Amino acid sequence: MSTIVMAACWPLQGMSPSQKAVLISLADQANDDGVCWPAISTIAQRTCLSERAVQEAIGWLQTVGLVFREYRFNTSTSYTVTPASYRPAAAPTKRERMRKGAPSAPGAAGAPPADSAPPALCAPGGADGAPGGADSAPHPPQVAHPGGADGAPKSSMNRKGNHQGTATEPFPPGEQAGPTAGGEADSGGETELQAACRLTWHAYTQAYLARYQVKPVRNAAVNANVKTLVKRLGHDEAPLVAAWYVEHVNEAFVVKNSHGVGILVNQAESFRTQWARGQAVTGAAAQAADKSSANLDAIEETKRLLRQRAARDAREGAHA
């Protein structure tokens, strides 16, 4: 348990009891770097929540920057608790949650609510409920929202990445969101976000090719990182910072890890500041700054002692 991370999480406000419970559970199991890797079932048991509720809470925590989730092949998912990155304004509004598929949300183009319509009616089709496709061939059932209707089996951890367009996982860069129940693309700003993700990935890839002469690895975890980066830095700055990071950051740890996207996301605000100043902070520069600060503190302390001594000598001279 990290008391440092726990102490930073307890005062945070603006979340539901279940979201706070999951956050504290993760912080309780994290090391001083905020990293832990508990199973969803373990978190559910510790918080007295269902596994589905735990997954929804983790998705919300990731959206607001409190948790960074990294899928790892053939092993448990890693979570990094980042209370300093908490952005309550990034939380989805009630209207956005309903559009994503909250219970009883109205379907597109006046379709019946998702929870009241049978699966067959959720597939895109013709007017008045007529089956779609040539010769009235039925379409495969299409779930109206990623979480499933009430009473549906609990979803298991998707280690290959969630490509259903939830709040926690992006569509891969270059792909568009699928049609909604009415057959129209989502008009809630998702296309804009995906375009920014594609631009960011393109800028990162070009810089990576120039530096390493190979393309970077792209998988579900990388896609999630790209989407998180765009949300944290904005649509305009994310591509510029991503390219600058690969071209100019030469810290030993970053180079050793081949300028991974995960490192860029974990220190996004710091790299953005360095990009804006046009100067990368190296390990040697940081040590030099610390040394300069220490020297200045020592000089100020010496001056203070000299002033005290001069005042004391003046008082003694006056009494002599």
Protein backbone atom coordinates (compact mmCIF):
# COMPACT_ATOMS: atom_id res chain seq x y z
CA MET A 1 0.00 0.00 0.00
CA SER A 2 1.22 3.50 -0.83
CA THR A 3 0.25 6.06 1.80
CA ILE A 4 1.41 8.79 -0.62
CA VAL A 5 -1.08 7.80 -3.32
CA MET A 6 -3.85 7.11 -0.78
CA ALA A 7 -3.39 10.53 0.84
CA ALA A 8 -3.68 12.21 -2.57
CA CYS A 9 -6.87 10.29 -3.49
CA TRP A 10 -8.93 10.68 -0.32
CA PRO A 11 -9.65 14.45 -0.67
CA LEU A 12 -10.80 14.21 -4.31
CA GLN A 13 -14.44 15.12 -4.93
CA GLY A 14 -16.89 15.04 -7.84
CA MET A 15 -17.39 11.27 -8.19
CA SER A 16 -19.93 8.67 -7.15
CA PRO A 17 -19.44 6.40 -4.11
CA SER A 18 -18.70 3.41 -6.35
CA GLN A 19 -16.12 5.34 -8.37
CA LYS A 20 -14.46 6.56 -5.17
CA ALA A 21 -14.47 3.03 -3.74
CA VAL A 22 -12.74 1.61 -6.82
CA LEU A 23 -10.20 4.45 -6.83
CA ILE A 24 -9.34 3.91 -3.16
CA SER A 25 -9.11 0.14 -3.70
CA LEU A 26 -6.59 0.67 -6.52
CA ALA A 27 -4.63 3.21 -4.47
CA ASP A 28 -4.59 0.83 -1.53
CA GLN A 29 -2.93 -1.86 -3.68
CA ALA A 30 -0.58 0.50 -5.56
CA ASN A 31 3.12 1.06 -4.96
CA ASP A 32 4.63 4.53 -4.49
CA ASP A 33 4.58 5.00 -8.28
CA GLY A 34 0.81 4.40 -8.25
CA VAL A 35 1.08 1.08 -10.15
CA CYS A 36 -0.94 -2.03 -9.31
CA TRP A 37 -2.41 -4.99 -11.21
CA PRO A 38 -5.43 -6.43 -9.35
CA ALA A 39 -8.04 -8.56 -11.09
CA ILE A 40 -11.51 -7.13 -11.67
CA SER A 41 -12.93 -9.88 -9.44
CA THR A 42 -10.57 -8.85 -6.64
CA ILE A 43 -11.66 -5.20 -6.84
CA ALA A 44 -15.31 -6.29 -6.90
CA GLN A 45 -14.83 -8.40 -3.78
CA ARG A 46 -13.00 -5.60 -1.93
CA THR A 47 -15.58 -2.90 -2.82
CA CYS A 48 -18.76 -5.05 -2.58
CA LEU A 49 -19.61 -4.07 -6.18
CA SER A 50 -20.43 -6.18 -9.20
CA GLU A 51 -17.70 -6.76 -11.77
CA ARG A 52 -19.69 -4.76 -14.30
CA ALA A 53 -19.92 -1.82 -11.86
CA VAL A 54 -16.17 -2.04 -11.27
CA GLN A 55 -15.46 -1.95 -15.01
CA GLU A 56 -17.75 1.06 -15.47
CA ALA A 57 -16.07 2.86 -12.56
CA ILE A 58 -12.60 2.18 -13.98
CA GLY A 59 -13.75 3.51 -17.35
CA TRP A 60 -14.94 6.74 -15.69
CA LEU A 61 -11.71 7.06 -13.68
CA GLN A 62 -9.68 6.68 -16.86
CA THR A 63 -11.78 9.28 -18.68
CA VAL A 64 -11.10 11.91 -16.02
CA GLY A 65 -7.37 11.10 -15.83
CA LEU A 66 -7.31 9.40 -12.43
CA VAL A 67 -6.33 5.97 -13.76
CA PHE A 68 -4.17 4.89 -16.68
CA ARG A 69 -4.90 1.34 -17.81
CA GLU A 70 -2.39 -0.75 -19.77
CA TYR A 71 -3.28 -4.13 -21.24
CA ARG A 72 -0.42 -6.62 -21.15
CA PHE A 73 -0.21 -9.79 -23.24
CA ASN A 74 -0.76 -13.06 -21.32
CA THR A 75 -0.72 -11.31 -17.95
CA SER A 76 -2.86 -9.11 -15.75
CA THR A 77 -3.87 -5.57 -16.69
CA SER A 78 -1.74 -2.84 -15.12
CA TYR A 79 -3.33 0.24 -13.55
CA THR A 80 -1.51 3.47 -12.72
CA VAL A 81 -3.28 5.80 -10.28
CA THR A 82 -2.56 9.45 -11.16
CA PRO A 83 -4.44 11.75 -8.75
CA ALA A 84 -2.43 14.78 -9.93
CA SER A 85 -3.99 14.41 -13.40
CA TYR A 86 -7.61 14.49 -12.18
CA ARG A 87 -9.77 16.51 -14.60
CA PRO A 88 -13.41 16.55 -13.35
CA ALA A 89 -14.45 18.60 -16.39
CA ALA A 90 -13.61 15.64 -18.64
CA ALA A 91 -16.34 13.50 -17.07
CA PRO A 92 -19.12 12.65 -19.55
CA THR A 93 -22.38 14.50 -19.00
CA LYS A 94 -25.66 12.73 -18.33
CA ARG A 95 -26.72 13.38 -21.92
CA GLU A 96 -23.51 11.85 -23.27
CA ARG A 97 -23.91 8.79 -21.05
CA MET A 98 -27.46 8.33 -22.33
CA ARG A 99 -26.25 8.62 -25.92
CA LYS A 100 -23.64 5.95 -25.23
CA GLY A 101 -26.46 3.60 -24.27
CA ALA A 102 -27.71 4.22 -20.75
CA PRO A 103 -30.82 2.21 -19.75
CA SER A 104 -34.04 3.38 -21.35
CA ALA A 105 -32.19 5.77 -23.67
CA PRO A 106 -34.33 6.46 -26.76
CA GLY A 107 -33.14 4.89 -29.98
CA ALA A 108 -32.11 6.85 -33.02
CA ALA A 109 -34.82 8.25 -35.31
CA GLY A 110 -37.51 7.56 -32.71
CA ALA A 111 -36.70 3.85 -32.29
CA PRO A 112 -37.97 2.18 -29.06
CA PRO A 113 -35.77 2.35 -25.97
CA ALA A 114 -32.86 -0.08 -25.99
CA ASP A 115 -34.01 -1.96 -22.88
CA SER A 116 -37.54 -2.51 -24.15
CA ALA A 117 -36.80 -3.64 -27.70
CA PRO A 118 -35.92 -7.28 -28.49
CA PRO A 119 -32.43 -7.85 -29.96
CA ALA A 120 -33.75 -8.34 -33.47
CA LEU A 121 -35.21 -4.85 -33.49
CA CYS A 122 -31.90 -3.30 -32.50
CA ALA A 123 -30.31 -4.17 -35.83
CA PRO A 124 -30.41 -1.45 -38.48
CA GLY A 125 -33.25 -2.09 -40.82
CA GLY A 126 -35.97 -0.56 -42.92
CA ALA A 127 -38.81 1.69 -41.79
CA ASP A 128 -41.56 0.45 -39.48
CA GLY A 129 -39.45 -2.46 -38.26
CA ALA A 130 -39.13 -4.18 -41.66
CA PRO A 131 -36.10 -6.52 -41.75
CA GLY A 132 -33.09 -5.11 -43.63
CA GLY A 133 -30.90 -6.68 -46.25
CA ALA A 134 -31.63 -8.19 -49.64
CA ASP A 135 -34.68 -10.49 -49.93
CA SER A 136 -35.59 -9.63 -46.32
CA ALA A 137 -32.61 -11.60 -45.00
CA PRO A 138 -32.28 -10.89 -41.27
CA HIS A 139 -29.27 -9.04 -39.95
CA PRO A 140 -27.24 -10.42 -37.03
CA PRO A 141 -28.44 -8.95 -33.73
CA GLN A 142 -26.68 -5.71 -32.82
CA VAL A 143 -26.41 -4.65 -29.20
CA ALA A 144 -27.85 -1.19 -28.71
CA HIS A 145 -25.18 -0.11 -26.23
CA PRO A 146 -21.75 -1.49 -25.19
CA GLY A 147 -22.72 -2.37 -21.65
CA GLY A 148 -25.61 -4.67 -22.62
CA ALA A 149 -29.21 -4.53 -21.43
CA ASP A 150 -30.19 -5.12 -17.82
CA GLY A 151 -29.81 -8.75 -16.87
CA ALA A 152 -27.24 -9.51 -19.58
CA PRO A 153 -24.25 -11.67 -18.58
CA LYS A 154 -21.35 -9.76 -17.10
CA SER A 155 -18.66 -8.95 -19.60
CA SER A 156 -15.18 -10.36 -19.04
CA MET A 157 -11.94 -8.41 -19.34
CA ASN A 158 -11.17 -7.91 -23.02
CA ARG A 159 -7.40 -8.29 -23.24
CA LYS A 160 -7.37 -7.58 -26.97
CA GLY A 161 -8.88 -4.14 -26.45
CA ASN A 162 -12.45 -2.97 -26.54
CA HIS A 163 -13.41 -1.94 -30.07
CA GLN A 164 -17.04 -1.16 -29.27
CA GLY A 165 -16.36 2.54 -28.81
CA THR A 166 -16.76 2.85 -25.03
CA ALA A 167 -15.53 5.79 -23.00
CA THR A 168 -12.37 3.93 -21.98
CA GLU A 169 -11.15 2.47 -25.26
CA PRO A 170 -10.84 4.22 -28.66
CA PHE A 171 -11.53 2.96 -32.09
CA PRO A 172 -8.14 2.22 -33.68
CA PRO A 173 -6.68 5.28 -35.45
CA GLY A 174 -7.99 5.38 -39.00
CA GLU A 175 -11.26 3.58 -38.19
CA GLN A 176 -14.65 5.23 -37.84
CA ALA A 177 -17.36 4.47 -35.34
CA GLY A 178 -19.93 1.97 -36.50
CA PRO A 179 -23.52 2.91 -37.30
CA THR A 180 -25.98 3.51 -34.52
CA ALA A 181 -29.35 1.88 -34.27
CA GLY A 182 -30.67 4.28 -36.91
CA GLY A 183 -27.84 3.50 -39.32
CA GLU A 184 -26.24 6.96 -38.96
CA ALA A 185 -22.78 7.74 -37.66
CA ASP A 186 -22.55 9.10 -34.12
CA SER A 187 -22.75 12.89 -34.27
CA GLY A 188 -21.54 13.51 -30.69
CA GLY A 189 -18.02 14.68 -31.63
CA GLU A 190 -16.55 11.18 -31.85
CA THR A 191 -15.49 11.67 -35.48
CA GLU A 192 -13.54 14.78 -34.53
CA LEU A 193 -11.74 12.88 -31.77
CA GLN A 194 -10.90 10.01 -34.11
CA ALA A 195 -9.49 12.44 -36.67
CA ALA A 196 -7.26 13.95 -33.99
CA CYS A 197 -6.14 10.45 -32.96
CA ARG A 198 -5.23 9.64 -36.56
CA LEU A 199 -3.22 12.85 -36.92
CA THR A 200 -1.43 12.22 -33.63
CA TRP A 201 -0.58 8.64 -34.57
CA HIS A 202 0.63 9.75 -38.02
CA ALA A 203 2.90 12.44 -36.54
CA TYR A 204 4.27 10.00 -33.98
CA THR A 205 4.84 7.30 -36.63
CA GLN A 206 6.69 9.62 -39.01
CA ALA A 207 9.02 10.83 -36.26
CA TYR A 208 9.52 7.25 -35.06
CA LEU A 209 10.41 6.07 -38.57
CA ALA A 210 12.93 8.88 -38.94
CA ARG A 211 14.59 8.02 -35.65
CA TYR A 212 14.45 4.21 -35.54
CA GLN A 213 13.90 3.27 -39.22
CA VAL A 214 11.05 0.96 -38.20
CA LYS A 215 7.36 1.51 -37.59
CA PRO A 216 6.14 1.65 -33.97
CA VAL A 217 4.01 -1.15 -32.59
CA ARG A 218 0.29 -0.48 -32.76
CA ASN A 219 -2.22 -2.47 -30.72
CA ALA A 220 -5.25 -1.88 -28.50
CA ALA A 221 -3.15 -0.54 -25.62
CA VAL A 222 -1.36 1.90 -27.94
CA ASN A 223 -4.70 3.04 -29.40
CA ALA A 224 -5.99 3.72 -25.89
CA ASN A 225 -2.85 5.70 -25.08
CA VAL A 226 -3.23 7.82 -28.22
CA LYS A 227 -6.83 8.64 -27.37
CA THR A 228 -5.86 9.54 -23.78
CA LEU A 229 -3.06 11.79 -25.06
CA VAL A 230 -5.43 13.67 -27.38
CA LYS A 231 -7.92 14.19 -24.56
CA ARG A 232 -5.24 15.47 -22.18
CA LEU A 233 -3.39 17.78 -24.58
CA GLY A 234 -6.14 18.74 -27.02
CA HIS A 235 -6.72 18.03 -30.71
CA ASP A 236 -4.28 20.67 -31.97
CA GLU A 237 -1.29 20.16 -29.68
CA ALA A 238 -1.27 16.37 -29.30
CA PRO A 239 0.22 15.65 -32.80
CA LEU A 240 2.91 18.33 -32.34
CA VAL A 241 3.93 17.12 -28.89
CA ALA A 242 3.97 13.48 -30.04
CA ALA A 243 6.38 14.23 -32.91
CA TRP A 244 8.56 16.52 -30.77
CA TYR A 245 8.77 13.86 -28.05
CA VAL A 246 10.32 11.31 -30.43
CA GLU A 247 12.61 13.82 -32.13
CA HIS A 248 13.98 15.76 -29.14
CA VAL A 249 13.61 13.85 -25.87
CA ASN A 250 16.84 11.96 -25.13
CA GLU A 251 16.43 10.95 -21.50
CA ALA A 252 18.11 7.60 -20.84
CA PHE A 253 14.89 5.99 -19.58
CA VAL A 254 12.89 7.19 -22.61
CA VAL A 255 15.52 6.10 -25.13
CA LYS A 256 15.92 2.73 -23.39
CA ASN A 257 12.19 2.16 -23.86
CA SER A 258 12.31 3.34 -27.50
CA HIS A 259 10.08 6.38 -26.93
CA GLY A 260 7.02 4.33 -26.01
CA VAL A 261 3.62 6.00 -26.17
CA GLY A 262 2.91 4.97 -22.59
CA ILE A 263 5.76 7.13 -21.27
CA LEU A 264 4.51 10.06 -23.36
CA VAL A 265 1.02 9.72 -21.87
CA ASN A 266 2.23 9.31 -18.28
CA GLN A 267 4.21 12.57 -18.51
CA ALA A 268 2.05 14.32 -21.12
CA GLU A 269 1.80 17.68 -19.36
CA SER A 270 5.54 17.77 -18.63
CA PHE A 271 6.48 17.01 -22.24
CA ARG A 272 3.92 19.55 -23.43
CA THR A 273 5.60 22.24 -21.30
CA GLN A 274 9.04 21.27 -22.65
CA TRP A 275 7.67 21.37 -26.20
CA ALA A 276 6.16 24.83 -25.64
CA ARG A 277 9.48 26.11 -24.27
CA GLY A 278 11.40 24.43 -27.10
CA GLN A 279 13.78 22.78 -24.67
CA ALA A 280 13.87 19.17 -23.50
CA VAL A 281 14.85 18.64 -19.87
CA THR A 282 17.55 15.96 -19.62
CA GLY A 283 18.62 14.14 -16.47
CA ALA A 284 21.85 16.14 -16.36
CA ALA A 285 19.95 19.41 -16.73
CA ALA A 286 17.60 18.46 -13.90
CA GLN A 287 20.55 17.61 -11.64
CA ALA A 288 22.25 20.88 -12.54
CA ALA A 289 19.06 22.79 -11.70
CA ASP A 290 18.81 21.03 -8.35
CA LYS A 291 22.47 21.82 -7.62
CA SER A 292 22.00 25.47 -8.58
CA SER A 293 18.96 25.72 -6.35
CA ALA A 294 20.89 24.16 -3.46
CA ASN A 295 23.77 26.59 -3.99
CA LEU A 296 21.38 29.56 -3.97
CA ASP A 297 19.81 28.32 -0.75
CA ALA A 298 23.26 27.99 0.84
CA ILE A 299 24.20 31.53 -0.23
CA GLU A 300 21.00 32.96 1.20
CA GLU A 301 21.56 31.13 4.47
CA THR A 302 25.13 32.49 4.68
CA LYS A 303 23.88 36.02 4.08
CA ARG A 304 21.29 35.62 6.82
CA LEU A 305 23.90 34.42 9.33
CA LEU A 306 26.22 37.31 8.43
CA ARG A 307 23.41 39.80 8.96
CA GLN A 308 22.63 38.29 12.35
CA ARG A 309 26.28 38.43 13.35
CA ALA A 310 26.64 42.08 12.24
CA ALA A 311 23.54 43.04 14.25
CA ARG A 312 24.87 41.24 17.32
CA ASP A 313 28.28 42.96 17.02
CA ALA A 314 26.54 46.32 16.66
CA ARG A 315 24.53 45.74 19.86
CA GLU A 316 27.62 44.67 21.79
CA GLY A 317 29.52 47.76 20.58
CA ALA A 318 26.72 50.03 21.70
CA HIS A 319 26.81 48.61 25.26
CA ALA A 320 30.63 48.79 25.54
